[in-house]
Amino acid sequence: MKATTWFRISAVILVLFAVGHTIGFMGFRGLGAESEAVRAQMDAVRFATQPGGPANFTFGGFYVGFGLFNTAFYVFAAWVAWRLGAMARRGSPDVAALGWPMVALMIVSAALAIKYFFTPPIVLSVLAAVCLAVGTWLGRKTSAG
């Protein structure tokens, strides 16, 4: 397969990651009264971001905000992967300069998922890293020659 194909596969994986992440964290409900109580407290406890400032924020709001931030990050990463495919097709020498950091980012994503999460984000991070690495390797060879 060509570098472009590997980058396009990684883009699709990253879009699936974004969709799955959003559905998962927005639809997550605890498995009992204790977890529901924790979630209710996250939504109820208000705090200020600056000493003496208004208590306008909740941990529940941060949970949702960071979750949506992660969704936006994975959509952007998918776009970058897609663009890397176009760059590889044109033989751009910048494929390696952007591709390898994307690979590193997905490896960090996998490591964080191993430490803090569960199987689906681990698998998707590893698959994206592998596809990006193969695409970058092939794209590097194409642009060098």
C-alpha atoms as a PDB file:
ATOM      1  CA  MET A   1       0.000   0.000   0.000  1.00  0.00           C
ATOM      2  CA  LYS A   2       1.039   3.584  -0.592  1.00  0.00           C
ATOM      3  CA  ALA A   3       1.780   6.143   2.123  1.00  0.00           C
ATOM      4  CA  THR A   4      -1.415   8.016   1.258  1.00  0.00           C
ATOM      5  CA  THR A   5      -3.520   4.944   1.992  1.00  0.00           C
ATOM      6  CA  TRP A   6      -1.904   4.476   5.417  1.00  0.00           C
ATOM      7  CA  PHE A   7      -2.520   8.117   6.288  1.00  0.00           C
ATOM      8  CA  ARG A   8      -6.151   7.887   5.158  1.00  0.00           C
ATOM      9  CA  ILE A   9      -6.653   4.752   7.266  1.00  0.00           C
ATOM     10  CA  SER A  10      -5.200   6.561  10.279  1.00  0.00           C
ATOM     11  CA  ALA A  11      -7.536   9.517   9.632  1.00  0.00           C
ATOM     12  CA  VAL A  12     -10.557   7.206   9.650  1.00  0.00           C
ATOM     13  CA  ILE A  13      -9.328   5.556  12.869  1.00  0.00           C
ATOM     14  CA  LEU A  14      -8.957   8.993  14.475  1.00  0.00           C
ATOM     15  CA  VAL A  15     -12.475  10.026  13.420  1.00  0.00           C
ATOM     16  CA  LEU A  16     -13.815   6.778  14.885  1.00  0.00           C
ATOM     17  CA  PHE A  17     -11.823   7.555  18.046  1.00  0.00           C
ATOM     18  CA  ALA A  18     -13.410  11.025  18.243  1.00  0.00           C
ATOM     19  CA  VAL A  19     -16.939   9.694  17.730  1.00  0.00           C
ATOM     20  CA  GLY A  20     -16.469   6.794  20.142  1.00  0.00           C
ATOM     21  CA  HIS A  21     -14.910   9.047  22.746  1.00  0.00           C
ATOM     22  CA  THR A  22     -17.757  11.546  22.545  1.00  0.00           C
ATOM     23  CA  ILE A  23     -20.487   8.911  22.722  1.00  0.00           C
ATOM     24  CA  GLY A  24     -18.652   7.131  25.521  1.00  0.00           C
ATOM     25  CA  PHE A  25     -17.956  10.022  27.842  1.00  0.00           C
ATOM     26  CA  MET A  26     -21.239  11.858  27.219  1.00  0.00           C
ATOM     27  CA  GLY A  27     -23.269   8.705  27.722  1.00  0.00           C
ATOM     28  CA  PHE A  28     -21.304   7.324  30.664  1.00  0.00           C
ATOM     29  CA  ARG A  29     -23.400   6.546  33.695  1.00  0.00           C
ATOM     30  CA  GLY A  30     -22.163   4.904  36.849  1.00  0.00           C
ATOM     31  CA  LEU A  31     -22.909   1.363  37.846  1.00  0.00           C
ATOM     32  CA  GLY A  32     -24.621   2.159  41.104  1.00  0.00           C
ATOM     33  CA  ALA A  33     -25.635   4.704  43.669  1.00  0.00           C
ATOM     34  CA  GLU A  34     -22.068   5.516  44.725  1.00  0.00           C
ATOM     35  CA  SER A  35     -20.887   6.439  41.246  1.00  0.00           C
ATOM     36  CA  GLU A  36     -24.062   8.418  40.580  1.00  0.00           C
ATOM     37  CA  ALA A  37     -23.445  10.319  43.841  1.00  0.00           C
ATOM     38  CA  VAL A  38     -19.901  11.153  42.731  1.00  0.00           C
ATOM     39  CA  ARG A  39     -21.206  12.463  39.396  1.00  0.00           C
ATOM     40  CA  ALA A  40     -23.889  14.519  41.161  1.00  0.00           C
ATOM     41  CA  GLN A  41     -21.252  16.042  43.433  1.00  0.00           C
ATOM     42  CA  MET A  42     -19.069  16.864  40.426  1.00  0.00           C
ATOM     43  CA  ASP A  43     -22.000  18.840  39.027  1.00  0.00           C
ATOM     44  CA  ALA A  44     -22.923  20.442  42.374  1.00  0.00           C
ATOM     45  CA  VAL A  45     -19.610  21.620  43.802  1.00  0.00           C
ATOM     46  CA  ARG A  46     -18.738  25.054  42.448  1.00  0.00           C
ATOM     47  CA  PHE A  47     -15.335  26.709  42.585  1.00  0.00           C
ATOM     48  CA  ALA A  48     -13.488  29.754  41.342  1.00  0.00           C
ATOM     49  CA  THR A  49     -10.515  29.574  39.017  1.00  0.00           C
ATOM     50  CA  GLN A  50      -8.884  32.569  40.711  1.00  0.00           C
ATOM     51  CA  PRO A  51      -8.660  33.285  44.449  1.00  0.00           C
ATOM     52  CA  GLY A  52     -11.507  35.592  45.421  1.00  0.00           C
ATOM     53  CA  GLY A  53     -13.203  35.166  42.046  1.00  0.00           C
ATOM     54  CA  PRO A  54     -16.771  34.031  41.484  1.00  0.00           C
ATOM     55  CA  ALA A  55     -17.490  30.324  41.911  1.00  0.00           C
ATOM     56  CA  ASN A  56     -18.673  29.783  38.342  1.00  0.00           C
ATOM     57  CA  PHE A  57     -17.169  26.392  37.601  1.00  0.00           C
ATOM     58  CA  THR A  58     -17.896  22.767  38.506  1.00  0.00           C
ATOM     59  CA  PHE A  59     -15.834  19.603  38.212  1.00  0.00           C
ATOM     60  CA  GLY A  60     -18.660  18.176  36.116  1.00  0.00           C
ATOM     61  CA  GLY A  61     -18.264  21.107  33.734  1.00  0.00           C
ATOM     62  CA  PHE A  62     -14.529  20.492  33.544  1.00  0.00           C
ATOM     63  CA  TYR A  63     -15.218  16.804  32.824  1.00  0.00           C
ATOM     64  CA  VAL A  64     -17.490  17.718  29.900  1.00  0.00           C
ATOM     65  CA  GLY A  65     -15.202  20.517  28.708  1.00  0.00           C
ATOM     66  CA  PHE A  66     -12.083  18.365  28.693  1.00  0.00           C
ATOM     67  CA  GLY A  67     -14.002  15.558  27.021  1.00  0.00           C
ATOM     68  CA  LEU A  68     -15.129  17.840  24.209  1.00  0.00           C
ATOM     69  CA  PHE A  69     -11.612  19.279  23.974  1.00  0.00           C
ATOM     70  CA  ASN A  70     -10.329  15.731  23.425  1.00  0.00           C
ATOM     71  CA  THR A  71     -12.954  15.185  20.734  1.00  0.00           C
ATOM     72  CA  ALA A  72     -11.801  18.352  18.965  1.00  0.00           C
ATOM     73  CA  PHE A  73      -8.183  17.197  19.297  1.00  0.00           C
ATOM     74  CA  TYR A  74      -8.922  13.842  17.639  1.00  0.00           C
ATOM     75  CA  VAL A  75     -10.891  15.483  14.820  1.00  0.00           C
ATOM     76  CA  PHE A  76      -7.954  17.827  14.217  1.00  0.00           C
ATOM     77  CA  ALA A  77      -5.508  14.903  14.338  1.00  0.00           C
ATOM     78  CA  ALA A  78      -7.663  13.124  11.735  1.00  0.00           C
ATOM     79  CA  TRP A  79      -7.494  16.205   9.512  1.00  0.00           C
ATOM     80  CA  VAL A  80      -3.696  16.345   9.905  1.00  0.00           C
ATOM     81  CA  ALA A  81      -3.433  12.652   9.007  1.00  0.00           C
ATOM     82  CA  TRP A  82      -5.578  13.227   5.912  1.00  0.00           C
ATOM     83  CA  ARG A  83      -3.401  16.183   4.896  1.00  0.00           C
ATOM     84  CA  LEU A  84      -0.289  14.050   5.431  1.00  0.00           C
ATOM     85  CA  GLY A  85      -1.737  11.676   2.852  1.00  0.00           C
ATOM     86  CA  ALA A  86      -2.046  14.520   0.365  1.00  0.00           C
ATOM     87  CA  MET A  87       1.493  15.663   1.180  1.00  0.00           C
ATOM     88  CA  ALA A  88       2.833  12.132   0.652  1.00  0.00           C
ATOM     89  CA  ARG A  89       1.021  11.870  -2.691  1.00  0.00           C
ATOM     90  CA  ARG A  90       2.804  15.063  -3.829  1.00  0.00           C
ATOM     91  CA  GLY A  91       6.146  13.785  -2.509  1.00  0.00           C
ATOM     92  CA  SER A  92       6.516  16.596   0.010  1.00  0.00           C
ATOM     93  CA  PRO A  93       9.703  16.454   2.104  1.00  0.00           C
ATOM     94  CA  ASP A  94       7.636  17.719   5.066  1.00  0.00           C
ATOM     95  CA  VAL A  95       5.891  14.362   5.533  1.00  0.00           C
ATOM     96  CA  ALA A  96       8.530  13.134   7.964  1.00  0.00           C
ATOM     97  CA  ALA A  97       8.703  16.470   9.786  1.00  0.00           C
ATOM     98  CA  LEU A  98       4.990  16.275  10.644  1.00  0.00           C
ATOM     99  CA  GLY A  99       4.435  12.517  10.501  1.00  0.00           C
ATOM    100  CA  TRP A 100       6.923  11.445  13.176  1.00  0.00           C
ATOM    101  CA  PRO A 101       5.593  13.904  15.782  1.00  0.00           C
ATOM    102  CA  MET A 102       2.085  12.584  15.044  1.00  0.00           C
ATOM    103  CA  VAL A 103       3.367   9.056  15.641  1.00  0.00           C
ATOM    104  CA  ALA A 104       4.905  10.195  18.944  1.00  0.00           C
ATOM    105  CA  LEU A 105       1.628  11.855  19.918  1.00  0.00           C
ATOM    106  CA  MET A 106      -0.316   8.636  19.320  1.00  0.00           C
ATOM    107  CA  ILE A 107       2.263   6.676  21.343  1.00  0.00           C
ATOM    108  CA  VAL A 108       1.749   9.116  24.223  1.00  0.00           C
ATOM    109  CA  SER A 109      -2.009   8.700  23.756  1.00  0.00           C
ATOM    110  CA  ALA A 110      -1.593   4.918  23.991  1.00  0.00           C
ATOM    111  CA  ALA A 111       0.571   5.194  27.105  1.00  0.00           C
ATOM    112  CA  LEU A 112      -1.988   7.428  28.817  1.00  0.00           C
ATOM    113  CA  ALA A 113      -4.787   5.070  27.816  1.00  0.00           C
ATOM    114  CA  ILE A 114      -2.844   2.117  29.268  1.00  0.00           C
ATOM    115  CA  LYS A 115      -2.353   3.966  32.557  1.00  0.00           C
ATOM    116  CA  TYR A 116      -5.759   5.617  32.951  1.00  0.00           C
ATOM    117  CA  PHE A 117      -8.335   4.114  30.610  1.00  0.00           C
ATOM    118  CA  PHE A 118      -9.269   0.804  29.011  1.00  0.00           C
ATOM    119  CA  THR A 119      -9.034  -1.308  25.870  1.00  0.00           C
ATOM    120  CA  PRO A 120     -10.746   0.727  23.087  1.00  0.00           C
ATOM    121  CA  PRO A 121      -8.609   3.882  23.424  1.00  0.00           C
ATOM    122  CA  ILE A 122      -5.484   1.737  23.778  1.00  0.00           C
ATOM    123  CA  VAL A 123      -6.268  -0.190  20.594  1.00  0.00           C
ATOM    124  CA  LEU A 124      -7.241   2.906  18.581  1.00  0.00           C
ATOM    125  CA  SER A 125      -4.137   4.809  19.715  1.00  0.00           C
ATOM    126  CA  VAL A 126      -1.847   1.916  18.799  1.00  0.00           C
ATOM    127  CA  LEU A 127      -3.552   1.374  15.434  1.00  0.00           C
ATOM    128  CA  ALA A 128      -3.309   5.087  14.621  1.00  0.00           C
ATOM    129  CA  ALA A 129       0.373   5.129  15.658  1.00  0.00           C
ATOM    130  CA  VAL A 130       1.171   2.108  13.482  1.00  0.00           C
ATOM    131  CA  CYS A 131      -0.668   3.474  10.439  1.00  0.00           C
ATOM    132  CA  LEU A 132       0.940   6.891  10.852  1.00  0.00           C
ATOM    133  CA  ALA A 133       4.383   5.302  11.260  1.00  0.00           C
ATOM    134  CA  VAL A 134       4.028   3.161   8.146  1.00  0.00           C
ATOM    135  CA  GLY A 135       2.664   6.104   6.164  1.00  0.00           C
ATOM    136  CA  THR A 136       5.465   8.354   7.382  1.00  0.00           C
ATOM    137  CA  TRP A 137       8.098   5.746   6.592  1.00  0.00           C
ATOM    138  CA  LEU A 138       6.734   5.195   3.089  1.00  0.00           C
ATOM    139  CA  GLY A 139       6.174   8.925   2.553  1.00  0.00           C
ATOM    140  CA  ARG A 140       9.721   9.654   3.663  1.00  0.00           C
ATOM    141  CA  LYS A 141      11.071   7.182   1.125  1.00  0.00           C
ATOM    142  CA  THR A 142       8.891   8.660  -1.631  1.00  0.00           C
ATOM    143  CA  SER A 143       9.867  12.253  -0.900  1.00  0.00           C
ATOM    144  CA  ALA A 144      13.560  11.385  -0.561  1.00  0.00           C
ATOM    145  CA  GLY A 145      13.669   9.724  -3.969  1.00  0.00           C
END
